[in-house]
Protein backbone atom coordinates (compact mmCIF):
# COMPACT_ATOMS: atom_id res chain seq x y z
CA MET A 1 6.65 14.70 -44.21
CA GLN A 2 7.97 13.20 -48.19
CA SER A 3 7.54 9.08 -48.33
CA LEU A 4 10.28 7.19 -48.94
CA PRO A 5 10.87 6.17 -53.01
CA PHE A 6 9.32 2.43 -52.06
CA SER A 7 7.08 -0.13 -49.98
CA ILE A 8 8.62 -0.50 -46.90
CA PRO A 9 7.37 -4.74 -46.37
CA VAL A 10 6.24 -5.20 -42.92
CA LEU A 11 9.22 -7.90 -42.52
CA SER A 12 11.05 -4.83 -43.46
CA ILE A 13 13.40 -2.43 -40.93
CA LEU A 14 11.71 -1.20 -38.47
CA LEU A 15 10.60 2.84 -38.99
CA ALA A 16 9.65 4.82 -36.64
CA SER A 17 5.62 5.05 -36.37
CA SER A 18 5.07 8.20 -38.24
CA LEU A 19 7.20 8.06 -40.38
CA VAL A 20 5.50 4.24 -41.71
CA ALA A 21 2.08 5.77 -41.41
CA SER A 22 3.18 8.20 -44.59
CA LEU A 23 3.88 5.98 -46.49
CA ASP A 24 1.78 6.40 -49.39
CA ALA A 25 2.59 3.53 -51.81
CA GLU A 26 0.37 0.29 -51.36
CA GLU A 27 2.37 -2.44 -49.80
CA GLU A 28 2.64 -6.00 -52.39
CA PRO A 29 1.81 -8.87 -51.62
CA TYR A 30 5.54 -10.75 -50.25
CA VAL A 31 6.48 -14.38 -49.82
CA TYR A 32 8.54 -14.89 -46.33
CA GLU A 33 11.59 -16.39 -48.53
CA ASP A 34 11.90 -13.36 -51.04
CA PHE A 35 13.53 -11.48 -47.43
CA GLY A 36 16.82 -10.10 -47.29
CA ARG A 37 17.72 -10.40 -50.82
CA CYS A 38 18.85 -6.76 -51.64
CA HIS A 39 20.75 -4.52 -49.38
CA LEU A 40 21.17 -1.53 -49.42
CA VAL A 41 24.53 0.01 -48.31
CA GLY A 42 25.99 3.95 -47.00
CA ALA A 43 24.50 6.93 -45.53
CA CYS A 44 21.36 9.09 -46.35
CA ARG A 45 21.14 12.77 -45.52
CA ARG A 46 17.16 12.60 -44.98
CA THR A 47 16.91 10.76 -42.59
CA SER A 48 19.08 8.58 -40.26
CA ILE A 49 16.93 6.17 -39.44
CA VAL A 50 18.35 4.25 -42.99
CA ASN A 51 21.95 4.92 -42.34
CA GLY A 52 24.77 1.55 -42.62
CA THR A 53 22.84 -1.34 -43.58
CA TRP A 54 19.54 -1.66 -44.37
CA GLU A 55 16.47 -3.95 -46.58
CA ASP A 56 15.03 -2.63 -49.35
CA SER A 57 11.36 -2.86 -50.59
CA GLY A 58 9.85 -5.82 -51.95
CA ILE A 59 9.81 -5.17 -55.27
CA ALA A 60 13.64 -5.16 -54.95
CA TYR A 61 13.53 -8.55 -53.95
CA LYS A 62 12.24 -9.84 -57.32
CA LEU A 63 14.75 -9.32 -59.69
CA GLU A 64 18.59 -8.52 -59.35
CA ARG A 65 17.58 -5.28 -61.98
CA LEU A 66 15.21 -3.27 -59.87
CA CYS A 67 17.62 -3.94 -56.82
CA LEU A 68 20.33 -2.80 -58.65
CA GLU A 69 18.83 0.01 -60.22
CA ARG A 70 17.59 1.38 -56.09
CA ALA A 71 21.38 2.44 -55.78
CA GLN A 72 20.78 5.45 -57.76
CA THR A 73 17.32 5.56 -56.78
CA PHE A 74 17.96 6.35 -53.43
CA PHE A 75 21.41 8.28 -53.66
CA ARG A 76 19.02 10.58 -55.08
CA TRP A 77 15.97 10.56 -52.73
CA CYS A 78 18.79 10.51 -49.48
CA GLY A 79 19.40 14.29 -51.12
CA ASN A 80 23.52 12.90 -51.09
CA GLU A 81 25.64 14.48 -53.31
CA GLY A 82 29.47 14.17 -54.90
CA CYS A 83 30.98 10.98 -52.94
CA GLU A 84 27.86 10.24 -50.12
CA ALA A 85 27.90 6.53 -52.00
CA VAL A 86 24.82 4.62 -51.75
CA GLU A 87 25.45 0.80 -53.15
CA ALA A 88 22.95 -1.68 -53.67
CA VAL A 89 23.56 -5.52 -53.61
CA TYR A 90 21.63 -8.41 -54.72
CA LEU A 91 22.12 -11.81 -52.37
CA PRO A 92 20.95 -14.37 -54.53
CA THR A 93 24.03 -13.12 -57.09
CA ALA A 94 26.24 -11.37 -55.25
CA ARG A 95 26.42 -8.86 -58.06
CA ARG A 96 26.44 -5.48 -56.60
CA ARG A 97 25.99 -1.23 -57.96
CA ARG A 98 27.51 1.60 -56.65
CA TYR A 99 26.05 4.90 -57.11
CA PRO A 100 27.95 7.05 -57.61
CA GLU A 101 30.58 4.72 -59.43
CA GLY A 102 34.08 5.28 -58.03
CA CYS A 103 33.52 6.51 -54.95
CA GLU A 104 33.82 4.46 -51.77
CA ILE A 105 30.70 3.95 -49.26
CA GLN A 106 31.41 6.24 -45.83
CA GLY A 107 31.27 4.34 -43.18
CA THR A 108 29.57 5.99 -39.46
CA ARG A 109 29.97 4.93 -35.69
CA THR A 110 28.41 2.19 -34.91
CA LEU A 111 27.48 0.85 -31.38
CA GLN A 112 29.83 -1.44 -31.15
CA GLN A 113 32.52 0.94 -31.50
CA ASP A 114 31.10 3.02 -28.86
CA GLN A 115 30.65 -0.03 -26.55
CA GLN A 116 34.30 -1.30 -27.24
CA GLN A 117 35.26 2.58 -26.13
CA ASP A 118 33.02 2.44 -23.43
CA MET A 119 35.53 -0.90 -21.81
CA ARG A 120 39.14 0.52 -22.42
CA LYS A 121 39.66 1.46 -18.28
CA ASP A 122 38.84 -2.10 -17.82
CA ASP A 123 41.04 -3.12 -20.07
CA ASP A 124 43.71 -4.90 -18.29
CA GLU A 125 41.67 -6.77 -16.00
CA VAL A 126 39.16 -7.97 -19.04
CA ASP A 127 42.88 -9.36 -19.82
CA ARG A 128 43.62 -11.19 -17.11
CA HIS A 129 40.54 -12.85 -16.98
CA LEU A 130 40.93 -13.34 -20.54
CA ALA A 131 43.83 -14.72 -20.03
CA SER A 132 42.41 -17.36 -17.94
CA VAL A 133 40.47 -18.97 -20.82
CA PRO A 134 42.13 -22.04 -22.78
CA SER A 135 42.44 -20.98 -26.27
CA LYS A 136 41.01 -22.95 -29.02
CA ASN A 137 42.83 -21.66 -31.30
CA ALA A 138 46.29 -23.40 -29.85
CA ASP A 139 48.89 -25.58 -31.62
CA SER A 140 47.52 -28.51 -30.26
CA ASN A 141 43.87 -28.03 -31.87
CA PRO A 142 43.05 -30.56 -34.27
CA PHE A 143 41.97 -28.10 -37.04
CA LYS A 144 45.56 -26.40 -38.02
CA ALA A 145 45.02 -27.74 -41.26
CA PHE A 146 42.05 -26.03 -41.84
CA GLU A 147 43.44 -22.73 -40.27
CA ALA A 148 46.24 -22.70 -42.94
CA LEU A 149 43.40 -23.57 -45.30
CA GLN A 150 41.71 -20.61 -44.50
CA ASP A 151 44.95 -18.37 -44.67
CA GLU A 152 45.34 -19.24 -48.03
CA THR A 153 41.28 -18.18 -48.77
CA MET A 154 41.75 -15.00 -47.44
CA LEU A 155 44.57 -14.04 -49.33
CA GLN A 156 43.70 -15.58 -52.45
CA VAL A 157 39.88 -14.92 -52.64
CA ALA A 158 39.12 -14.98 -56.16
CA GLU A 159 41.28 -18.36 -56.68
CA LYS A 160 40.73 -20.01 -53.69
CA LYS A 161 37.47 -23.20 -54.17
CA VAL A 162 34.91 -21.92 -51.54
CA LEU A 163 32.00 -23.08 -49.53
CA LEU A 164 30.21 -19.59 -48.73
CA VAL A 165 27.35 -20.21 -46.58
CA ARG A 166 24.36 -17.42 -46.50
CA ILE A 167 22.73 -16.50 -43.07
CA ASN A 168 19.02 -15.81 -43.16
CA PRO A 169 19.65 -11.96 -41.87
CA PHE A 170 15.94 -13.09 -39.49
CA THR A 171 18.22 -15.68 -38.02
CA GLY A 172 18.94 -15.38 -34.36
CA PHE A 173 22.33 -15.96 -32.95
CA ALA A 174 22.16 -19.77 -31.94
CA ASN A 175 20.98 -21.09 -35.21
CA ARG A 176 23.59 -19.07 -36.94
CA LEU A 177 25.99 -21.13 -35.02
CA PHE A 178 24.46 -24.05 -35.96
CA ALA A 179 24.62 -22.90 -39.54
CA ILE A 180 28.79 -22.10 -39.21
CA ALA A 181 29.37 -25.55 -37.09
CA SER A 182 27.22 -27.81 -39.99
CA SER A 183 29.41 -25.95 -42.73
CA MET A 184 32.96 -25.81 -41.10
CA ILE A 185 31.66 -30.02 -40.70
CA LEU A 186 31.20 -29.81 -44.43
CA CYS A 187 34.84 -28.58 -45.19
CA LEU A 188 36.61 -30.79 -42.80
CA VAL A 189 35.43 -33.66 -44.85
CA LEU A 190 35.29 -32.23 -48.40
CA GLY A 191 39.32 -31.06 -47.21
CA ASP A 192 40.00 -28.82 -50.35
CA ARG A 193 37.78 -25.44 -49.85
CA GLY A 194 37.97 -22.84 -47.30
CA LEU A 195 34.66 -21.42 -45.52
CA LEU A 196 33.41 -18.09 -46.41
CA VAL A 197 30.28 -16.82 -43.90
CA ASP A 198 27.52 -13.80 -44.99
CA TRP A 199 26.62 -12.87 -41.57
CA PRO A 200 24.03 -10.21 -42.07
CA VAL A 201 24.73 -7.29 -39.48
CA ASP A 202 22.16 -5.52 -38.45
CA THR A 203 22.24 -1.55 -37.72
CA THR A 204 18.56 -1.62 -36.71
CA PRO A 205 16.15 -3.76 -35.27
CA ARG A 206 14.38 -5.71 -37.45
CA LYS A 207 10.89 -6.99 -36.57
CA HIS A 208 11.17 -11.10 -36.86
CA PRO A 209 8.01 -12.92 -39.10
CA ASN A 210 7.50 -14.41 -34.92
CA ARG A 211 6.83 -10.72 -34.58
CA GLU A 212 9.54 -10.52 -32.49
CA LEU A 213 11.76 -7.69 -32.36
CA SER A 214 15.61 -8.55 -33.60
CA PHE A 215 19.15 -7.21 -33.74
CA MET A 216 22.49 -8.65 -34.33
CA GLY A 217 26.02 -7.20 -34.23
CA ALA A 218 28.65 -8.31 -36.32
CA LEU A 219 30.42 -12.12 -36.16
CA HIS A 220 33.62 -10.86 -34.23
CA ASP A 221 31.76 -8.38 -32.18
CA LEU A 222 30.61 -11.72 -30.55
CA LEU A 223 33.20 -14.22 -31.41
CA ASP A 224 36.82 -14.07 -31.65
CA VAL A 225 37.15 -16.41 -34.51
CA PRO A 226 40.22 -15.09 -36.42
CA HIS A 227 39.79 -17.50 -38.68
CA ILE A 228 35.85 -17.51 -39.69
CA LEU A 229 36.11 -15.50 -42.26
CA ASP A 230 33.75 -13.24 -43.01
CA PHE A 231 32.25 -13.21 -46.45
CA ASN A 232 32.28 -8.91 -46.88
CA VAL A 233 35.25 -7.88 -45.25
CA VAL A 234 37.44 -10.48 -46.90
CA VAL A 235 35.72 -10.65 -50.61
CA THR A 236 35.93 -6.19 -50.47
CA LYS A 237 39.36 -6.11 -48.92
CA HIS A 238 40.35 -8.99 -51.88
CA ASP A 239 39.18 -9.22 -55.51
CA GLY A 240 35.87 -8.45 -54.98
CA ALA A 241 34.61 -8.16 -58.49
CA LYS A 242 37.21 -11.13 -59.48
CA PHE A 243 35.05 -13.26 -56.94
CA HIS A 244 32.05 -13.13 -58.71
CA GLN A 245 33.54 -13.80 -62.32
CA ASP A 246 32.50 -17.34 -62.83
CA VAL A 247 29.19 -16.97 -60.74
CA LYS A 248 27.15 -18.51 -63.26
CA PHE A 249 29.35 -21.37 -62.93
CA TRP A 250 28.60 -22.23 -58.93
CA HIS A 251 26.76 -24.31 -57.38
CA SER A 252 23.94 -22.92 -55.46
CA PHE A 253 21.64 -25.37 -52.27
CA HIS A 254 19.49 -24.18 -49.52
CA ASP A 255 20.39 -26.08 -46.08
CA ASP A 256 16.67 -27.85 -46.45
CA ASP A 257 16.98 -28.82 -49.69
CA GLU A 258 16.67 -32.64 -50.05
CA ASN A 259 18.44 -32.50 -52.84
CA PHE A 260 20.95 -31.41 -50.62
CA LEU A 261 20.49 -33.22 -48.30
CA SER A 262 20.78 -36.60 -50.15
CA LEU A 263 24.37 -36.29 -51.40
CA LEU A 264 25.40 -36.31 -47.16
CA ARG A 265 24.11 -39.95 -47.32
CA THR A 266 26.02 -41.05 -49.77
CA GLU A 267 28.81 -43.87 -49.39
CA GLU A 268 30.61 -41.79 -52.91
CA ASP A 269 33.70 -39.27 -52.89
CA LEU A 270 31.82 -36.06 -51.53
CA ASN A 271 33.79 -34.24 -53.68
CA GLN A 272 32.41 -35.34 -56.78
CA HIS A 273 29.48 -33.96 -56.03
CA PHE A 274 31.04 -30.72 -55.37
CA ARG A 275 32.99 -29.78 -58.02
CA SER A 276 32.53 -25.90 -59.18
CA ARG A 277 35.24 -23.33 -57.41
CA VAL A 278 31.99 -21.81 -55.00
CA ILE A 279 29.17 -23.96 -53.77
CA GLN A 280 27.27 -21.62 -51.89
CA VAL A 281 24.30 -23.18 -49.01
CA PHE A 282 21.56 -20.52 -48.36
CA SER A 283 20.78 -20.85 -44.78
CA SER A 284 17.30 -20.72 -43.86
CA TYR A 285 16.79 -21.51 -40.61
CA GLY A 286 19.75 -22.53 -39.64
CA TYR A 287 18.84 -26.39 -40.00
CA PHE A 288 21.40 -28.69 -38.57
CA TYR A 289 22.44 -30.60 -41.96
CA SER A 290 25.67 -31.46 -40.20
CA HIS A 291 24.07 -34.58 -38.21
CA LEU A 292 23.79 -36.02 -41.47
CA ILE A 293 27.60 -36.36 -41.96
CA LEU A 294 28.16 -37.37 -38.80
CA ASP A 295 25.21 -40.90 -38.89
CA ASN A 296 27.42 -41.52 -41.96
CA PRO A 297 30.37 -43.92 -41.78
CA HIS A 298 31.76 -42.63 -44.70
CA LEU A 299 31.66 -39.14 -44.60
CA ARG A 300 32.92 -39.48 -40.80
CA ALA A 301 36.12 -40.88 -41.11
CA PRO A 302 37.74 -38.13 -41.44
CA LEU A 303 36.76 -36.43 -38.79
CA GLU A 304 38.16 -39.20 -36.72
CA ARG A 305 41.19 -39.16 -37.50
CA MET A 306 41.56 -35.60 -36.85
CA MET A 307 39.39 -35.85 -33.83
CA GLY A 308 39.67 -38.79 -32.17
CA ARG A 309 36.85 -42.16 -32.99
CA GLU A 310 35.18 -40.31 -30.77
CA CYS A 311 34.81 -37.09 -32.24
CA CYS A 312 30.84 -35.60 -32.19
CA PHE A 313 30.24 -31.71 -32.21
CA TYR A 314 31.60 -30.82 -29.54
CA PRO A 315 35.36 -30.26 -30.91
CA VAL A 316 34.11 -27.93 -33.30
CA LEU A 317 31.75 -25.86 -31.29
CA GLN A 318 34.34 -25.78 -28.71
CA TYR A 319 36.02 -24.37 -31.47
CA LEU A 320 33.84 -21.92 -32.58
CA MET A 321 32.69 -20.56 -29.24
CA LYS A 322 35.29 -18.13 -28.01
CA PRO A 323 33.76 -14.76 -26.85
CA SER A 324 34.70 -11.86 -27.49
CA LYS A 325 36.25 -9.11 -25.27
CA ILE A 326 33.77 -7.55 -24.91
CA VAL A 327 31.39 -10.80 -24.31
CA ALA A 328 34.36 -12.11 -22.04
CA PHE A 329 33.84 -9.20 -20.04
CA ARG A 330 30.63 -8.99 -19.89
CA LEU A 331 30.71 -13.28 -18.72
CA TRP A 332 33.58 -11.94 -16.21
CA ARG A 333 30.89 -9.48 -14.72
CA MET A 334 28.03 -12.21 -14.12
CA ASN A 335 30.43 -14.88 -12.76
CA ARG A 336 31.60 -12.73 -10.30
CA ARG A 337 28.46 -12.75 -8.65
CA MET A 338 28.75 -16.21 -7.68
CA PRO A 339 31.28 -17.53 -5.28
CA SER A 340 34.56 -19.22 -6.44
CA HIS A 341 34.00 -22.52 -9.26
CA ALA A 342 30.06 -22.10 -7.62
CA ASN A 343 27.58 -25.20 -9.06
CA PHE A 344 24.43 -24.13 -9.87
CA THR A 345 21.08 -24.29 -11.56
CA GLY A 346 20.47 -23.04 -14.62
CA VAL A 347 17.18 -21.52 -15.81
CA HIS A 348 16.08 -20.02 -18.92
CA LEU A 349 13.20 -18.81 -19.92
CA ARG A 350 12.04 -17.94 -23.48
CA THR A 351 9.27 -16.50 -22.82
CA PHE A 352 8.14 -16.56 -26.87
CA LEU A 353 8.11 -20.37 -27.07
CA MET A 354 6.61 -20.50 -22.88
CA ASN A 355 3.40 -18.62 -22.10
CA GLU A 356 3.15 -17.65 -18.40
CA GLU A 357 2.33 -21.30 -16.57
CA THR A 358 5.33 -23.35 -17.81
CA ARG A 359 8.02 -20.71 -16.55
CA LEU A 360 6.96 -21.12 -13.24
CA THR A 361 7.08 -24.45 -14.16
CA ALA A 362 10.30 -23.35 -14.29
CA LEU A 363 11.23 -22.11 -11.65
CA ARG A 364 9.46 -24.40 -9.69
CA CYS A 365 11.28 -27.07 -11.00
CA ALA A 366 15.25 -25.50 -10.32
CA LEU A 367 13.93 -25.46 -6.64
CA ASN A 368 12.83 -28.68 -6.87
CA LEU A 369 16.38 -29.81 -8.00
CA SER A 370 18.77 -27.09 -6.08
CA GLU A 371 16.50 -27.44 -2.33
CA GLY A 372 18.44 -28.93 0.14
CA LYS A 373 22.24 -29.50 -2.10
CA GLU A 374 25.15 -27.24 -0.79
CA ASP A 375 25.63 -26.47 -4.63
CA GLY A 376 21.71 -24.78 -4.54
CA ARG A 377 22.12 -21.95 -6.53
CA ILE A 378 20.20 -20.43 -9.22
CA SER A 379 20.68 -18.36 -12.05
CA ILE A 380 17.89 -17.41 -13.96
CA PHE A 381 17.74 -15.85 -17.40
CA SER A 382 15.05 -15.15 -19.49
CA ASP A 383 14.79 -12.88 -23.04
CA ALA A 384 12.28 -10.35 -21.87
CA GLU A 385 11.56 -8.17 -19.01
CA LYS A 386 8.67 -10.38 -17.73
CA GLY A 387 10.44 -12.89 -17.80
CA ILE A 388 12.65 -12.07 -15.17
CA GLN A 389 10.16 -9.71 -12.98
CA GLU A 390 8.08 -13.15 -13.23
CA ALA A 391 10.95 -14.93 -11.29
CA ASN A 392 11.82 -11.94 -8.73
CA ARG A 393 7.71 -12.52 -7.53
CA PHE A 394 8.16 -15.90 -7.34
CA PHE A 395 11.42 -15.78 -5.09
CA GLU A 396 9.97 -12.66 -3.03
CA GLY A 397 7.44 -14.77 -2.32
CA LEU A 398 9.11 -17.78 -0.52
CA HIS A 399 9.77 -15.49 2.95
CA GLY A 400 13.74 -17.06 2.85
CA ASP A 401 11.81 -20.56 3.97
CA ARG A 402 13.81 -22.21 1.07
CA ASN A 403 17.82 -23.36 1.64
CA VAL A 404 18.78 -21.38 -2.00
CA SER A 405 20.84 -19.05 -3.22
CA VAL A 406 19.33 -17.08 -6.12
CA HIS A 407 20.92 -14.57 -8.69
CA VAL A 408 18.38 -13.46 -11.24
CA SER A 409 19.70 -12.08 -13.74
CA SER A 410 18.69 -8.47 -16.12
CA ALA A 411 16.80 -9.13 -18.97
CA HIS A 412 18.19 -9.82 -22.21
CA GLY A 413 16.42 -9.20 -24.85
CA ARG A 414 17.27 -9.42 -28.50
CA SER A 415 16.55 -5.96 -30.02
CA SER A 416 19.75 -3.67 -29.28
CA PHE A 417 24.19 -4.58 -29.96
CA ASP A 418 23.98 -4.43 -26.28
CA GLU A 419 21.37 -6.81 -24.89
CA VAL A 420 23.04 -8.78 -27.99
CA VAL A 421 26.26 -9.01 -26.30
CA GLU A 422 24.70 -9.72 -22.72
CA GLY A 423 22.56 -12.84 -24.28
CA VAL A 424 25.82 -14.11 -25.96
CA ALA A 425 27.96 -13.44 -22.20
CA SER A 426 24.57 -15.18 -20.55
CA LEU A 427 25.04 -17.97 -23.01
CA PHE A 428 28.49 -18.79 -21.92
CA HIS A 429 27.36 -18.72 -18.49
CA LEU A 430 24.45 -20.67 -19.05
CA ALA A 431 27.10 -23.53 -20.41
CA GLN A 432 28.53 -23.28 -16.77
CA SER A 433 25.83 -24.82 -14.86
CA VAL A 434 25.45 -28.18 -13.57
CA ARG A 435 21.48 -28.43 -14.50
CA MET A 436 19.83 -27.03 -17.00
CA VAL A 437 16.04 -25.93 -16.93
CA GLY A 438 13.86 -25.04 -19.83
CA THR A 439 12.47 -26.12 -23.20
CA THR A 440 14.31 -28.06 -25.51
CA ASN A 441 12.37 -26.03 -28.04
CA SER A 442 14.32 -23.81 -27.70
CA THR A 443 17.95 -23.46 -30.09
CA PHE A 444 19.48 -20.83 -27.28
CA LEU A 445 19.45 -23.30 -24.30
CA ILE A 446 20.48 -25.94 -26.70
CA LEU A 447 23.51 -24.42 -27.52
CA ALA A 448 24.56 -23.70 -24.14
CA ALA A 449 24.00 -27.69 -23.22
CA MET A 450 26.08 -28.24 -26.64
CA LEU A 451 29.09 -26.19 -25.41
CA SER A 452 28.72 -27.68 -21.51
CA CYS A 453 28.60 -30.70 -23.70
CA LYS A 454 31.54 -33.13 -21.66
CA ASP A 455 30.03 -37.05 -22.81
CA PRO A 456 32.38 -37.48 -26.25
CA THR A 457 29.25 -39.50 -27.90
CA GLY A 458 27.62 -35.95 -27.83
CA THR A 459 24.39 -36.86 -25.04
CA VAL A 460 23.39 -34.17 -22.87
CA ARG A 461 21.27 -34.16 -19.80
CA LEU A 462 18.53 -31.22 -19.54
CA HIS A 463 14.85 -30.71 -17.70
CA HIS A 464 12.27 -30.44 -20.26
CA VAL A 465 9.41 -28.25 -18.90
CA GLN A 466 5.91 -29.52 -20.28
CA ASN A 467 2.10 -29.74 -19.18
CA GLY A 468 2.54 -28.40 -16.10
CA ASN A 469 6.36 -31.15 -15.37
CA CYS A 470 9.72 -31.20 -15.49
CA ILE A 471 11.67 -33.71 -17.07
CA ALA A 472 14.61 -35.10 -17.00
CA VAL A 473 15.55 -35.91 -21.03
CA GLU A 474 19.34 -36.90 -22.50
CA CYS A 475 19.42 -35.06 -25.88
CA LYS A 476 21.92 -37.06 -28.38
CA LEU A 477 23.22 -33.82 -30.81
CA PRO A 478 23.94 -32.13 -32.63
CA PRO A 479 19.53 -31.58 -32.89
CA ALA A 480 18.03 -32.44 -36.53
CA PRO A 481 15.27 -32.05 -34.55
CA VAL A 482 16.67 -32.35 -31.05
CA ARG A 483 17.09 -36.50 -30.47
CA CYS A 484 15.65 -36.63 -26.35
CA VAL A 485 14.38 -39.54 -24.21
CA GLU A 486 12.86 -39.57 -20.94
CA VAL A 487 15.61 -41.06 -18.86
CA GLY A 488 13.28 -41.05 -15.54
CA GLU A 489 10.30 -40.28 -13.36
CA GLN A 490 8.77 -37.20 -14.39
CA LEU A 491 10.02 -34.56 -11.58
CA CYS A 492 5.97 -32.68 -10.46
CA THR A 493 6.18 -29.62 -9.49
CA PRO A 494 2.34 -28.64 -7.91
CA LYS A 495 1.33 -25.17 -7.45
């Protein structure tokens, strides 16, 4: 087997073990922040593993020139012919080069398309379900001016002022939504620029720095957000080259950079500090910088005029969190397992953040919260199969002695498009619960809690599992980090 024409770092695309073992080039040291800077797009005759979009080597992350040269190098290594083009994109500058020039990128059929085709037989039933879901984009919504500006931006993206948020490809779904919501709030405050979202999409699972495998589908395959503009789609279709012609004048920030955050504490006109046509914000971890805006009376004022005096993160989140058709179908199937309008306790077992003892504590906590109540139902979700197996063993061991009804979901995982769809549907289902149990260190649980928020001040109540206890806490959202306080006695859950 011939080696690839570059050295693949540990955090690059996940290749088959036999392929990885054959690499004859020694890997260079790398810095985590360098990853995700150089992407290649196209097909490869030699191996299907790298069809679609993939990350290039650690060498190419370091310089724009090296990244752009990879298009020709990889075209030749793949044995492509004619117009079977490969395009290299250097994300920090958004510069790109295609080889051969003048050729179109030939797309391949995606798993997302296969999933959507499989759903056609259920379309009528799904449509009836969606018709019952209140629209987040109705005429009565407070974001009509934002939507109008987004429509103008889509048609004149090369001339309009925009805030471009670039999301780290290793970031999970919840953190990505935090980044988009924060950026949307900043756009609402500025009032003069559209919002573009660079949402990286995976074609194969990637290995996260914490050793988990993760996969992410396209934004519009997961959420129905027609006015949130996908940077890669809009800029490619509308004056892509012209959009980047003034790139050297763009202002770029990281969302956890103190220089950027200090601007959000200002009492001056924020537009004076954001004058360039494109403001580029790199979101490293989905940092919730919008809490500084909501805590700043000067910047909060235009939001109050738009959403009311008691505005909080909730209206923006509700606007963004409308499920796509395929997610809505999965959610409908989950809801069918519950009696109509059933109240239930939702449990999220985040296996990476919770050890086995903590997960069992969460299950005992849910049991104590639900037992003997008319709404004594429990719905359990986990991001890994071992969490589901533990839940099944736990409740099977009760031998029917407890007066509760338990539904244990299949593990939603994070390593394929199908698992991601199941996970997003699980998040919507968890948000319907009347009590939530888990760890406040999980952004998945926090996002579900925010989605369920009915308090105009953005305060939600959770049951946080810690040190063998289940603690009732109230959390002020949005979190940066989560601001939670204990509000009652610890609910002890002895074995």
